[in-house]
Amino acid sequence: MGVIQVIAGALCGVLALVALAGLVTGRPFGRAVIVVSAAIELVLVVHLVAGVGQLLGTEGVPAVTYVGYLVGVLIVLPAAVAWASVELSRAGPAVILLASLTVGFLLLRTHDIWVGATGV
C-alpha cells in the first residue's frame, strides 16, 4: 500500500472512532467529524492526482475501473456529512461510521485493482 492510502486509512480509523463515540453517547456529530472528514478529503484528492499520474505511465490497469474508484471514494464522505448534518438522532453518527468504513474499503479496493493489474 502506498503512503497516501495508509494515511487516508488511518484518518478513516480516527473518524470511525469519533463517530462510534458519538453513536454510543447519543450526541450528533461535532466539529471533530468535519475536521477529520476534511483532512480525509484532502488526502483523497492527493490520492486521485497521484493515482491518475501513475496510471498514465502504466499499462494493463483497467483505467475506467481504477479512476472510477478514485473519484467515487471522494463522494462518500461529503454525502455522509451532508446526511448526518440534518439527522440529529443516533443515525447521524452511524452514517459517518459507515461512511468511514466504506472509504477504508474503497481504498483497499483501489490497492487491489492496482496490484492485480501490475503485480506491484
PDB file of N, CA and C in Angstrom:
ATOM      1  N   MET A   1       0.842  -1.192   0.000  1.00  0.00           N
ATOM      2  CA  MET A   1       0.000   0.000   0.000  1.00  0.00           C
ATOM      3  C   MET A   1       0.871   1.232   0.000  1.00  0.00           C
ATOM      4  N   GLY A   2       0.377   2.236  -0.652  1.00  0.00           N
ATOM      5  CA  GLY A   2       1.101   3.486  -0.703  1.00  0.00           C
ATOM      6  C   GLY A   2       0.938   4.286   0.576  1.00  0.00           C
ATOM      7  N   VAL A   3       1.818   5.225   0.751  1.00  0.00           N
ATOM      8  CA  VAL A   3       1.786   6.079   1.943  1.00  0.00           C
ATOM      9  C   VAL A   3       0.478   6.858   2.004  1.00  0.00           C
ATOM     10  N   ILE A   4       0.025   7.332   0.853  1.00  0.00           N
ATOM     11  CA  ILE A   4      -1.213   8.109   0.822  1.00  0.00           C
ATOM     12  C   ILE A   4      -2.389   7.262   1.292  1.00  0.00           C
ATOM     13  N   GLN A   5      -2.446   6.026   0.854  1.00  0.00           N
ATOM     14  CA  GLN A   5      -3.538   5.145   1.264  1.00  0.00           C
ATOM     15  C   GLN A   5      -3.468   4.826   2.755  1.00  0.00           C
ATOM     16  N   VAL A   6      -2.282   4.667   3.271  1.00  0.00           N
ATOM     17  CA  VAL A   6      -2.121   4.386   4.703  1.00  0.00           C
ATOM     18  C   VAL A   6      -2.573   5.584   5.535  1.00  0.00           C
ATOM     19  N   ILE A   7      -2.189   6.788   5.112  1.00  0.00           N
ATOM     20  CA  ILE A   7      -2.600   7.997   5.836  1.00  0.00           C
ATOM     21  C   ILE A   7      -4.114   8.138   5.800  1.00  0.00           C
ATOM     22  N   ALA A   8      -4.702   7.965   4.624  1.00  0.00           N
ATOM     23  CA  ALA A   8      -6.158   8.074   4.498  1.00  0.00           C
ATOM     24  C   ALA A   8      -6.853   7.001   5.331  1.00  0.00           C
ATOM     25  N   GLY A   9      -6.314   5.788   5.317  1.00  0.00           N
ATOM     26  CA  GLY A   9      -6.898   4.711   6.115  1.00  0.00           C
ATOM     27  C   GLY A   9      -6.822   4.986   7.605  1.00  0.00           C
ATOM     28  N   ALA A  10      -5.690   5.536   8.050  1.00  0.00           N
ATOM     29  CA  ALA A  10      -5.554   5.878   9.472  1.00  0.00           C
ATOM     30  C   ALA A  10      -6.541   6.972   9.866  1.00  0.00           C
ATOM     31  N   LEU A  11      -6.700   7.960   8.999  1.00  0.00           N
ATOM     32  CA  LEU A  11      -7.670   9.018   9.281  1.00  0.00           C
ATOM     33  C   LEU A  11      -9.098   8.470   9.290  1.00  0.00           C
ATOM     34  N   CYS A  12      -9.370   7.502   8.434  1.00  0.00           N
ATOM     35  CA  CYS A  12     -10.692   6.848   8.450  1.00  0.00           C
ATOM     36  C   CYS A  12     -10.910   6.116   9.767  1.00  0.00           C
ATOM     37  N   GLY A  13      -9.859   5.514  10.301  1.00  0.00           N
ATOM     38  CA  GLY A  13      -9.948   4.869  11.609  1.00  0.00           C
ATOM     39  C   GLY A  13     -10.254   5.869  12.711  1.00  0.00           C
ATOM     40  N   VAL A  14      -9.597   7.020  12.658  1.00  0.00           N
ATOM     41  CA  VAL A  14      -9.870   8.074  13.645  1.00  0.00           C
ATOM     42  C   VAL A  14     -11.315   8.544  13.519  1.00  0.00           C
ATOM     43  N   LEU A  15     -11.762   8.766  12.282  1.00  0.00           N
ATOM     44  CA  LEU A  15     -13.141   9.202  12.072  1.00  0.00           C
ATOM     45  C   LEU A  15     -14.132   8.152  12.566  1.00  0.00           C
ATOM     46  N   ALA A  16     -13.832   6.890  12.344  1.00  0.00           N
ATOM     47  CA  ALA A  16     -14.717   5.821  12.819  1.00  0.00           C
ATOM     48  C   ALA A  16     -14.807   5.833  14.339  1.00  0.00           C
ATOM     49  N   LEU A  17     -13.695   6.056  15.008  1.00  0.00           N
ATOM     50  CA  LEU A  17     -13.713   6.111  16.474  1.00  0.00           C
ATOM     51  C   LEU A  17     -14.504   7.311  16.988  1.00  0.00           C
ATOM     52  N   VAL A  18     -14.331   8.465  16.320  1.00  0.00           N
ATOM     53  CA  VAL A  18     -15.093   9.656  16.721  1.00  0.00           C
ATOM     54  C   VAL A  18     -16.585   9.416  16.510  1.00  0.00           C
ATOM     55  N   ALA A  19     -16.937   8.821  15.378  1.00  0.00           N
ATOM     56  CA  ALA A  19     -18.348   8.544  15.096  1.00  0.00           C
ATOM     57  C   ALA A  19     -18.910   7.504  16.071  1.00  0.00           C
ATOM     58  N   LEU A  20     -18.106   6.504  16.395  1.00  0.00           N
ATOM     59  CA  LEU A  20     -18.550   5.492  17.355  1.00  0.00           C
ATOM     60  C   LEU A  20     -18.794   6.110  18.718  1.00  0.00           C
ATOM     61  N   ALA A  21     -17.932   7.032  19.122  1.00  0.00           N
ATOM     62  CA  ALA A  21     -18.128   7.726  20.398  1.00  0.00           C
ATOM     63  C   ALA A  21     -19.433   8.521  20.374  1.00  0.00           C
ATOM     64  N   GLY A  22     -19.708   9.185  19.253  1.00  0.00           N
ATOM     65  CA  GLY A  22     -20.966   9.911  19.133  1.00  0.00           C
ATOM     66  C   GLY A  22     -22.168   8.995  19.138  1.00  0.00           C
ATOM     67  N   LEU A  23     -22.017   7.835  18.538  1.00  0.00           N
ATOM     68  CA  LEU A  23     -23.098   6.857  18.498  1.00  0.00           C
ATOM     69  C   LEU A  23     -23.399   6.313  19.898  1.00  0.00           C
ATOM     70  N   VAL A  24     -22.351   6.023  20.643  1.00  0.00           N
ATOM     71  CA  VAL A  24     -22.515   5.478  21.996  1.00  0.00           C
ATOM     72  C   VAL A  24     -23.114   6.522  22.950  1.00  0.00           C
ATOM     73  N   THR A  25     -22.647   7.754  22.843  1.00  0.00           N
ATOM     74  CA  THR A  25     -23.135   8.800  23.749  1.00  0.00           C
ATOM     75  C   THR A  25     -24.452   9.401  23.301  1.00  0.00           C
ATOM     76  N   GLY A  26     -24.842   9.146  22.047  1.00  0.00           N
ATOM     77  CA  GLY A  26     -26.104   9.672  21.549  1.00  0.00           C
ATOM     78  C   GLY A  26     -26.048  11.124  21.128  1.00  0.00           C
ATOM     79  N   ARG A  27     -24.860  11.656  20.948  1.00  0.00           N
ATOM     80  CA  ARG A  27     -24.720  13.050  20.531  1.00  0.00           C
ATOM     81  C   ARG A  27     -24.552  13.143  19.015  1.00  0.00           C
ATOM     82  N   PRO A  28     -25.125  14.184  18.401  1.00  0.00           N
ATOM     83  CA  PRO A  28     -24.874  14.379  16.978  1.00  0.00           C
ATOM     84  C   PRO A  28     -23.414  14.769  16.768  1.00  0.00           C
ATOM     85  N   PHE A  29     -22.964  14.636  15.538  1.00  0.00           N
ATOM     86  CA  PHE A  29     -21.549  14.890  15.299  1.00  0.00           C
ATOM     87  C   PHE A  29     -21.216  16.357  15.493  1.00  0.00           C
ATOM     88  N   GLY A  30     -19.951  16.600  15.779  1.00  0.00           N
ATOM     89  CA  GLY A  30     -19.490  17.957  16.021  1.00  0.00           C
ATOM     90  C   GLY A  30     -18.367  18.348  15.086  1.00  0.00           C
ATOM     91  N   ARG A  31     -17.600  19.292  15.530  1.00  0.00           N
ATOM     92  CA  ARG A  31     -16.525  19.853  14.725  1.00  0.00           C
ATOM     93  C   ARG A  31     -15.451  18.823  14.381  1.00  0.00           C
ATOM     94  N   ALA A  32     -15.207  17.877  15.274  1.00  0.00           N
ATOM     95  CA  ALA A  32     -14.161  16.869  15.030  1.00  0.00           C
ATOM     96  C   ALA A  32     -14.459  16.068  13.768  1.00  0.00           C
ATOM     97  N   VAL A  33     -15.715  15.733  13.558  1.00  0.00           N
ATOM     98  CA  VAL A  33     -16.088  14.971  12.369  1.00  0.00           C
ATOM     99  C   VAL A  33     -15.809  15.784  11.106  1.00  0.00           C
ATOM    100  N   ILE A  34     -16.138  17.050  11.143  1.00  0.00           N
ATOM    101  CA  ILE A  34     -15.922  17.900   9.971  1.00  0.00           C
ATOM    102  C   ILE A  34     -14.430  18.070   9.703  1.00  0.00           C
ATOM    103  N   VAL A  35     -13.645  18.286  10.736  1.00  0.00           N
ATOM    104  CA  VAL A  35     -12.206  18.484  10.559  1.00  0.00           C
ATOM    105  C   VAL A  35     -11.539  17.212  10.015  1.00  0.00           C
ATOM    106  N   VAL A  36     -11.846  16.075  10.608  1.00  0.00           N
ATOM    107  CA  VAL A  36     -11.238  14.817  10.159  1.00  0.00           C
ATOM    108  C   VAL A  36     -11.728  14.462   8.757  1.00  0.00           C
ATOM    109  N   SER A  37     -13.004  14.694   8.481  1.00  0.00           N
ATOM    110  CA  SER A  37     -13.531  14.425   7.134  1.00  0.00           C
ATOM    111  C   SER A  37     -12.850  15.303   6.097  1.00  0.00           C
ATOM    112  N   ALA A  38     -12.639  16.567   6.428  1.00  0.00           N
ATOM    113  CA  ALA A  38     -11.954  17.472   5.501  1.00  0.00           C
ATOM    114  C   ALA A  38     -10.513  17.014   5.266  1.00  0.00           C
ATOM    115  N   ALA A  39      -9.848  16.554   6.323  1.00  0.00           N
ATOM    116  CA  ALA A  39      -8.478  16.049   6.171  1.00  0.00           C
ATOM    117  C   ALA A  39      -8.456  14.812   5.272  1.00  0.00           C
ATOM    118  N   ILE A  40      -9.433  13.932   5.460  1.00  0.00           N
ATOM    119  CA  ILE A  40      -9.512  12.730   4.616  1.00  0.00           C
ATOM    120  C   ILE A  40      -9.748  13.134   3.168  1.00  0.00           C
ATOM    121  N   GLU A  41     -10.646  14.071   2.938  1.00  0.00           N
ATOM    122  CA  GLU A  41     -10.929  14.511   1.566  1.00  0.00           C
ATOM    123  C   GLU A  41      -9.688  15.105   0.911  1.00  0.00           C
ATOM    124  N   LEU A  42      -8.923  15.862   1.666  1.00  0.00           N
ATOM    125  CA  LEU A  42      -7.690  16.436   1.127  1.00  0.00           C
ATOM    126  C   LEU A  42      -6.723  15.329   0.719  1.00  0.00           C
ATOM    127  N   VAL A  43      -6.567  14.334   1.572  1.00  0.00           N
ATOM    128  CA  VAL A  43      -5.690  13.205   1.254  1.00  0.00           C
ATOM    129  C   VAL A  43      -6.232  12.431   0.049  1.00  0.00           C
ATOM    130  N   LEU A  44      -7.547  12.312  -0.052  1.00  0.00           N
ATOM    131  CA  LEU A  44      -8.140  11.588  -1.185  1.00  0.00           C
ATOM    132  C   LEU A  44      -7.961  12.336  -2.501  1.00  0.00           C
ATOM    133  N   VAL A  45      -7.958  13.654  -2.456  1.00  0.00           N
ATOM    134  CA  VAL A  45      -7.676  14.429  -3.673  1.00  0.00           C
ATOM    135  C   VAL A  45      -6.235  14.189  -4.113  1.00  0.00           C
ATOM    136  N   VAL A  46      -5.315  14.173  -3.158  1.00  0.00           N
ATOM    137  CA  VAL A  46      -3.914  13.853  -3.471  1.00  0.00           C
ATOM    138  C   VAL A  46      -3.829  12.431  -4.031  1.00  0.00           C
ATOM    139  N   HIS A  47      -4.590  11.518  -3.456  1.00  0.00           N
ATOM    140  CA  HIS A  47      -4.633  10.132  -3.924  1.00  0.00           C
ATOM    141  C   HIS A  47      -5.131  10.067  -5.364  1.00  0.00           C
ATOM    142  N   LEU A  48      -6.139  10.849  -5.690  1.00  0.00           N
ATOM    143  CA  LEU A  48      -6.666  10.894  -7.054  1.00  0.00           C
ATOM    144  C   LEU A  48      -5.614  11.394  -8.031  1.00  0.00           C
ATOM    145  N   VAL A  49      -4.972  12.490  -7.699  1.00  0.00           N
ATOM    146  CA  VAL A  49      -3.953  13.060  -8.583  1.00  0.00           C
ATOM    147  C   VAL A  49      -2.780  12.097  -8.751  1.00  0.00           C
ATOM    148  N   ALA A  50      -2.323  11.521  -7.658  1.00  0.00           N
ATOM    149  CA  ALA A  50      -1.211  10.566  -7.732  1.00  0.00           C
ATOM    150  C   ALA A  50      -1.611   9.320  -8.506  1.00  0.00           C
ATOM    151  N   GLY A  51      -2.830   8.843  -8.298  1.00  0.00           N
ATOM    152  CA  GLY A  51      -3.304   7.645  -8.991  1.00  0.00           C
ATOM    153  C   GLY A  51      -3.408   7.853 -10.486  1.00  0.00           C
ATOM    154  N   VAL A  52      -3.932   8.996 -10.896  1.00  0.00           N
ATOM    155  CA  VAL A  52      -4.021   9.291 -12.329  1.00  0.00           C
ATOM    156  C   VAL A  52      -2.622   9.464 -12.905  1.00  0.00           C
ATOM    157  N   GLY A  53      -1.733  10.087 -12.149  1.00  0.00           N
ATOM    158  CA  GLY A  53      -0.347  10.231 -12.611  1.00  0.00           C
ATOM    159  C   GLY A  53       0.334   8.887 -12.810  1.00  0.00           C
ATOM    160  N   GLN A  54       0.133   7.966 -11.882  1.00  0.00           N
ATOM    161  CA  GLN A  54       0.701   6.625 -12.023  1.00  0.00           C
ATOM    162  C   GLN A  54       0.072   5.876 -13.181  1.00  0.00           C
ATOM    163  N   LEU A  55      -1.197   6.095 -13.382  1.00  0.00           N
ATOM    164  CA  LEU A  55      -1.929   5.400 -14.436  1.00  0.00           C
ATOM    165  C   LEU A  55      -1.419   5.779 -15.817  1.00  0.00           C
ATOM    166  N   LEU A  56      -0.990   7.018 -15.975  1.00  0.00           N
ATOM    167  CA  LEU A  56      -0.518   7.485 -17.279  1.00  0.00           C
ATOM    168  C   LEU A  56       0.726   6.748 -17.745  1.00  0.00           C
ATOM    169  N   GLY A  57       1.526   6.278 -16.837  1.00  0.00           N
ATOM    170  CA  GLY A  57       2.755   5.594 -17.210  1.00  0.00           C
ATOM    171  C   GLY A  57       2.691   4.081 -17.091  1.00  0.00           C
ATOM    172  N   THR A  58       1.491   3.520 -16.972  1.00  0.00           N
ATOM    173  CA  THR A  58       1.352   2.088 -16.719  1.00  0.00           C
ATOM    174  C   THR A  58       0.363   1.470 -17.698  1.00  0.00           C
ATOM    175  N   GLU A  59       0.680   0.272 -18.123  1.00  0.00           N
ATOM    176  CA  GLU A  59      -0.235  -0.468 -18.991  1.00  0.00           C
ATOM    177  C   GLU A  59      -0.834  -1.635 -18.213  1.00  0.00           C
ATOM    178  N   GLY A  60      -1.996  -2.059 -18.629  1.00  0.00           N
ATOM    179  CA  GLY A  60      -2.611  -3.231 -18.034  1.00  0.00           C
ATOM    180  C   GLY A  60      -3.585  -2.950 -16.911  1.00  0.00           C
ATOM    181  N   VAL A  61      -3.607  -1.746 -16.399  1.00  0.00           N
ATOM    182  CA  VAL A  61      -4.535  -1.394 -15.326  1.00  0.00           C
ATOM    183  C   VAL A  61      -5.872  -1.005 -15.966  1.00  0.00           C
ATOM    184  N   PRO A  62      -6.980  -1.564 -15.501  1.00  0.00           N
ATOM    185  CA  PRO A  62      -8.277  -1.167 -16.053  1.00  0.00           C
ATOM    186  C   PRO A  62      -8.584   0.286 -15.664  1.00  0.00           C
ATOM    187  N   ALA A  63      -8.280   1.202 -16.564  1.00  0.00           N
ATOM    188  CA  ALA A  63      -8.308   2.632 -16.264  1.00  0.00           C
ATOM    189  C   ALA A  63      -9.680   3.123 -15.813  1.00  0.00           C
ATOM    190  N   VAL A  64     -10.722   2.700 -16.485  1.00  0.00           N
ATOM    191  CA  VAL A  64     -12.059   3.185 -16.132  1.00  0.00           C
ATOM    192  C   VAL A  64     -12.431   2.742 -14.722  1.00  0.00           C
ATOM    193  N   THR A  65     -12.168   1.511 -14.405  1.00  0.00           N
ATOM    194  CA  THR A  65     -12.488   0.997 -13.070  1.00  0.00           C
ATOM    195  C   THR A  65     -11.652   1.701 -12.015  1.00  0.00           C
ATOM    196  N   TYR A  66     -10.364   1.824 -12.275  1.00  0.00           N
ATOM    197  CA  TYR A  66      -9.455   2.432 -11.303  1.00  0.00           C
ATOM    198  C   TYR A  66      -9.824   3.893 -11.042  1.00  0.00           C
ATOM    199  N   VAL A  67     -10.016   4.648 -12.102  1.00  0.00           N
ATOM    200  CA  VAL A  67     -10.376   6.062 -11.940  1.00  0.00           C
ATOM    201  C   VAL A  67     -11.773   6.185 -11.335  1.00  0.00           C
ATOM    202  N   GLY A  68     -12.651   5.268 -11.670  1.00  0.00           N
ATOM    203  CA  GLY A  68     -13.983   5.274 -11.062  1.00  0.00           C
ATOM    204  C   GLY A  68     -13.920   5.138  -9.552  1.00  0.00           C
ATOM    205  N   TYR A  69     -13.069   4.255  -9.073  1.00  0.00           N
ATOM    206  CA  TYR A  69     -12.891   4.111  -7.623  1.00  0.00           C
ATOM    207  C   TYR A  69     -12.235   5.355  -7.023  1.00  0.00           C
ATOM    208  N   LEU A  70     -11.252   5.913  -7.719  1.00  0.00           N
ATOM    209  CA  LEU A  70     -10.582   7.109  -7.208  1.00  0.00           C
ATOM    210  C   LEU A  70     -11.543   8.284  -7.079  1.00  0.00           C
ATOM    211  N   VAL A  71     -12.431   8.424  -8.040  1.00  0.00           N
ATOM    212  CA  VAL A  71     -13.410   9.513  -7.997  1.00  0.00           C
ATOM    213  C   VAL A  71     -14.553   9.166  -7.050  1.00  0.00           C
ATOM    214  N   GLY A  72     -15.011   7.932  -7.093  1.00  0.00           N
ATOM    215  CA  GLY A  72     -16.135   7.514  -6.252  1.00  0.00           C
ATOM    216  C   GLY A  72     -15.861   7.655  -4.767  1.00  0.00           C
ATOM    217  N   VAL A  73     -14.641   7.369  -4.367  1.00  0.00           N
ATOM    218  CA  VAL A  73     -14.297   7.461  -2.948  1.00  0.00           C
ATOM    219  C   VAL A  73     -14.376   8.912  -2.460  1.00  0.00           C
ATOM    220  N   LEU A  74     -14.222   9.863  -3.366  1.00  0.00           N
ATOM    221  CA  LEU A  74     -14.324  11.276  -2.993  1.00  0.00           C
ATOM    222  C   LEU A  74     -15.756  11.696  -2.661  1.00  0.00           C
ATOM    223  N   ILE A  75     -16.725  10.946  -3.127  1.00  0.00           N
ATOM    224  CA  ILE A  75     -18.128  11.324  -2.961  1.00  0.00           C
ATOM    225  C   ILE A  75     -18.704  10.840  -1.631  1.00  0.00           C
ATOM    226  N   VAL A  76     -18.172   9.782  -1.092  1.00  0.00           N
ATOM    227  CA  VAL A  76     -18.780   9.111   0.063  1.00  0.00           C
ATOM    228  C   VAL A  76     -18.853  10.011   1.298  1.00  0.00           C
ATOM    229  N   LEU A  77     -17.740  10.586   1.716  1.00  0.00           N
ATOM    230  CA  LEU A  77     -17.735  11.377   2.954  1.00  0.00           C
ATOM    231  C   LEU A  77     -18.552  12.661   2.864  1.00  0.00           C
ATOM    232  N   PRO A  78     -18.440  13.458   1.794  1.00  0.00           N
ATOM    233  CA  PRO A  78     -19.294  14.650   1.740  1.00  0.00           C
ATOM    234  C   PRO A  78     -20.785  14.310   1.774  1.00  0.00           C
ATOM    235  N   ALA A  79     -21.164  13.229   1.104  1.00  0.00           N
ATOM    236  CA  ALA A  79     -22.572  12.815   1.136  1.00  0.00           C
ATOM    237  C   ALA A  79     -22.976  12.402   2.548  1.00  0.00           C
ATOM    238  N   ALA A  80     -22.105  11.678   3.227  1.00  0.00           N
ATOM    239  CA  ALA A  80     -22.408  11.234   4.595  1.00  0.00           C
ATOM    240  C   ALA A  80     -22.487  12.416   5.557  1.00  0.00           C
ATOM    241  N   VAL A  81     -21.572  13.360   5.429  1.00  0.00           N
ATOM    242  CA  VAL A  81     -21.591  14.528   6.321  1.00  0.00           C
ATOM    243  C   VAL A  81     -22.847  15.358   6.067  1.00  0.00           C
ATOM    244  N   ALA A  82     -23.230  15.503   4.793  1.00  0.00           N
ATOM    245  CA  ALA A  82     -24.450  16.248   4.482  1.00  0.00           C
ATOM    246  C   ALA A  82     -25.669  15.553   5.087  1.00  0.00           C
ATOM    247  N   TRP A  83     -25.718  14.241   4.965  1.00  0.00           N
ATOM    248  CA  TRP A  83     -26.837  13.477   5.509  1.00  0.00           C
ATOM    249  C   TRP A  83     -26.844  13.574   7.040  1.00  0.00           C
ATOM    250  N   ALA A  84     -25.698  13.373   7.650  1.00  0.00           N
ATOM    251  CA  ALA A  84     -25.618  13.373   9.111  1.00  0.00           C
ATOM    252  C   ALA A  84     -25.870  14.756   9.700  1.00  0.00           C
ATOM    253  N   SER A  85     -25.623  15.807   8.936  1.00  0.00           N
ATOM    254  CA  SER A  85     -25.835  17.160   9.462  1.00  0.00           C
ATOM    255  C   SER A  85     -27.316  17.474   9.656  1.00  0.00           C
ATOM    256  N   VAL A  86     -28.180  16.803   8.917  1.00  0.00           N
ATOM    257  CA  VAL A  86     -29.617  17.026   9.099  1.00  0.00           C
ATOM    258  C   VAL A  86     -30.258  15.949   9.978  1.00  0.00           C
ATOM    259  N   GLU A  87     -29.520  14.905  10.257  1.00  0.00           N
ATOM    260  CA  GLU A  87     -30.014  13.803  11.087  1.00  0.00           C
ATOM    261  C   GLU A  87     -29.416  13.949  12.476  1.00  0.00           C
ATOM    262  N   LEU A  88     -30.191  14.492  13.394  1.00  0.00           N
ATOM    263  CA  LEU A  88     -29.667  14.798  14.720  1.00  0.00           C
ATOM    264  C   LEU A  88     -29.851  13.667  15.722  1.00  0.00           C
ATOM    265  N   SER A  89     -30.370  12.539  15.280  1.00  0.00           N
ATOM    266  CA  SER A  89     -30.507  11.395  16.172  1.00  0.00           C
ATOM    267  C   SER A  89     -29.225  10.570  16.128  1.00  0.00           C
ATOM    268  N   ARG A  90     -29.292   9.367  16.651  1.00  0.00           N
ATOM    269  CA  ARG A  90     -28.125   8.477  16.616  1.00  0.00           C
ATOM    270  C   ARG A  90     -27.793   8.021  15.208  1.00  0.00           C
ATOM    271  N   ALA A  91     -28.706   8.203  14.294  1.00  0.00           N
ATOM    272  CA  ALA A  91     -28.446   7.786  12.913  1.00  0.00           C
ATOM    273  C   ALA A  91     -27.342   8.621  12.273  1.00  0.00           C
ATOM    274  N   GLY A  92     -27.186   9.866  12.684  1.00  0.00           N
ATOM    275  CA  GLY A  92     -26.140  10.727  12.128  1.00  0.00           C
ATOM    276  C   GLY A  92     -24.744  10.155  12.337  1.00  0.00           C
ATOM    277  N   PRO A  93     -24.348   9.876  13.565  1.00  0.00           N
ATOM    278  CA  PRO A  93     -23.033   9.261  13.780  1.00  0.00           C
ATOM    279  C   PRO A  93     -22.914   7.885  13.132  1.00  0.00           C
ATOM    280  N   ALA A  94     -24.021   7.155  13.053  1.00  0.00           N
ATOM    281  CA  ALA A  94     -23.979   5.842  12.403  1.00  0.00           C
ATOM    282  C   ALA A  94     -23.657   5.989  10.915  1.00  0.00           C
ATOM    283  N   VAL A  95     -24.213   7.003  10.290  1.00  0.00           N
ATOM    284  CA  VAL A  95     -23.924   7.259   8.875  1.00  0.00           C
ATOM    285  C   VAL A  95     -22.450   7.597   8.701  1.00  0.00           C
ATOM    286  N   ILE A  96     -21.906   8.416   9.572  1.00  0.00           N
ATOM    287  CA  ILE A  96     -20.482   8.775   9.498  1.00  0.00           C
ATOM    288  C   ILE A  96     -19.617   7.538   9.722  1.00  0.00           C
ATOM    289  N   LEU A  97     -19.990   6.710  10.677  1.00  0.00           N
ATOM    290  CA  LEU A  97     -19.242   5.486  10.945  1.00  0.00           C
ATOM    291  C   LEU A  97     -19.224   4.588   9.712  1.00  0.00           C
ATOM    292  N   LEU A  98     -20.370   4.360   9.119  1.00  0.00           N
ATOM    293  CA  LEU A  98     -20.429   3.516   7.919  1.00  0.00           C
ATOM    294  C   LEU A  98     -19.670   4.131   6.747  1.00  0.00           C
ATOM    295  N   ALA A  99     -19.739   5.443   6.620  1.00  0.00           N
ATOM    296  CA  ALA A  99     -19.012   6.107   5.536  1.00  0.00           C
ATOM    297  C   ALA A  99     -17.503   5.971   5.715  1.00  0.00           C
ATOM    298  N   SER A 100     -17.029   6.099   6.945  1.00  0.00           N
ATOM    299  CA  SER A 100     -15.579   5.972   7.174  1.00  0.00           C
ATOM    300  C   SER A 100     -15.118   4.553   6.870  1.00  0.00           C
ATOM    301  N   LEU A 101     -15.926   3.572   7.216  1.00  0.00           N
ATOM    302  CA  LEU A 101     -15.581   2.189   6.893  1.00  0.00           C
ATOM    303  C   LEU A 101     -15.643   1.944   5.386  1.00  0.00           C
ATOM    304  N   THR A 102     -16.610   2.562   4.719  1.00  0.00           N
ATOM    305  CA  THR A 102     -16.737   2.429   3.268  1.00  0.00           C
ATOM    306  C   THR A 102     -15.529   3.031   2.558  1.00  0.00           C
ATOM    307  N   VAL A 103     -15.083   4.194   3.002  1.00  0.00           N
ATOM    308  CA  VAL A 103     -13.906   4.823   2.390  1.00  0.00           C
ATOM    309  C   VAL A 103     -12.687   3.932   2.587  1.00  0.00           C
ATOM    310  N   GLY A 104     -12.528   3.377   3.769  1.00  0.00           N
ATOM    311  CA  GLY A 104     -11.410   2.453   4.005  1.00  0.00           C
ATOM    312  C   GLY A 104     -11.466   1.254   3.080  1.00  0.00           C
ATOM    313  N   PHE A 105     -12.652   0.691   2.889  1.00  0.00           N
ATOM    314  CA  PHE A 105     -12.817  -0.437   1.978  1.00  0.00           C
ATOM    315  C   PHE A 105     -12.491  -0.037   0.537  1.00  0.00           C
ATOM    316  N   LEU A 106     -12.960   1.125   0.114  1.00  0.00           N
ATOM    317  CA  LEU A 106     -12.690   1.575  -1.252  1.00  0.00           C
ATOM    318  C   LEU A 106     -11.199   1.821  -1.480  1.00  0.00           C
ATOM    319  N   LEU A 107     -10.508   2.281  -0.450  1.00  0.00           N
ATOM    320  CA  LEU A 107      -9.054   2.443  -0.561  1.00  0.00           C
ATOM    321  C   LEU A 107      -8.377   1.087  -0.749  1.00  0.00           C
ATOM    322  N   LEU A 108      -8.825   0.097  -0.002  1.00  0.00           N
ATOM    323  CA  LEU A 108      -8.280  -1.256  -0.186  1.00  0.00           C
ATOM    324  C   LEU A 108      -8.589  -1.782  -1.585  1.00  0.00           C
ATOM    325  N   ARG A 109      -9.762  -1.466  -2.076  1.00  0.00           N
ATOM    326  CA  ARG A 109     -10.150  -1.929  -3.410  1.00  0.00           C
ATOM    327  C   ARG A 109      -9.286  -1.287  -4.490  1.00  0.00           C
ATOM    328  N   THR A 110      -8.974   0.002  -4.364  1.00  0.00           N
ATOM    329  CA  THR A 110      -8.098   0.635  -5.357  1.00  0.00           C
ATOM    330  C   THR A 110      -6.715  -0.012  -5.318  1.00  0.00           C
ATOM    331  N   HIS A 111      -6.265  -0.351  -4.122  1.00  0.00           N
ATOM    332  CA  HIS A 111      -4.978  -1.028  -3.996  1.00  0.00           C
ATOM    333  C   HIS A 111      -5.036  -2.391  -4.682  1.00  0.00           C
ATOM    334  N   ASP A 112      -6.113  -3.129  -4.465  1.00  0.00           N
ATOM    335  CA  ASP A 112      -6.265  -4.449  -5.089  1.00  0.00           C
ATOM    336  C   ASP A 112      -6.299  -4.364  -6.607  1.00  0.00           C
ATOM    337  N   ILE A 113      -6.992  -3.361  -7.131  1.00  0.00           N
ATOM    338  CA  ILE A 113      -7.057  -3.193  -8.587  1.00  0.00           C
ATOM    339  C   ILE A 113      -5.657  -2.936  -9.138  1.00  0.00           C
ATOM    340  N   TRP A 114      -4.910  -2.066  -8.463  1.00  0.00           N
ATOM    341  CA  TRP A 114      -3.576  -1.717  -8.932  1.00  0.00           C
ATOM    342  C   TRP A 114      -2.635  -2.932  -8.878  1.00  0.00           C
ATOM    343  N   VAL A 115      -2.618  -3.593  -7.738  1.00  0.00           N
ATOM    344  CA  VAL A 115      -1.714  -4.745  -7.554  1.00  0.00           C
ATOM    345  C   VAL A 115      -2.123  -5.893  -8.465  1.00  0.00           C
ATOM    346  N   GLY A 116      -3.417  -6.086  -8.633  1.00  0.00           N
ATOM    347  CA  GLY A 116      -3.878  -7.162  -9.509  1.00  0.00           C
ATOM    348  C   GLY A 116      -3.453  -6.966 -10.954  1.00  0.00           C
ATOM    349  N   ALA A 117      -3.371  -5.716 -11.368  1.00  0.00           N
ATOM    350  CA  ALA A 117      -3.008  -5.449 -12.768  1.00  0.00           C
ATOM    351  C   ALA A 117      -1.506  -5.314 -12.975  1.00  0.00           C
ATOM    352  N   THR A 118      -0.799  -4.792 -11.980  1.00  0.00           N
ATOM    353  CA  THR A 118       0.639  -4.534 -12.170  1.00  0.00           C
ATOM    354  C   THR A 118       1.529  -5.532 -11.428  1.00  0.00           C
ATOM    355  N   GLY A 119       1.009  -6.152 -10.394  1.00  0.00           N
ATOM    356  CA  GLY A 119       1.815  -7.057  -9.595  1.00  0.00           C
ATOM    357  C   GLY A 119       2.725  -6.350  -8.605  1.00  0.00           C
ATOM    358  N   VAL A 120       2.622  -5.032  -8.539  1.00  0.00           N
ATOM    359  CA  VAL A 120       3.473  -4.253  -7.634  1.00  0.00           C
ATOM    360  C   VAL A 120       2.634  -3.591  -6.579  1.00  0.00           C
TER     361      VAL A 120
END
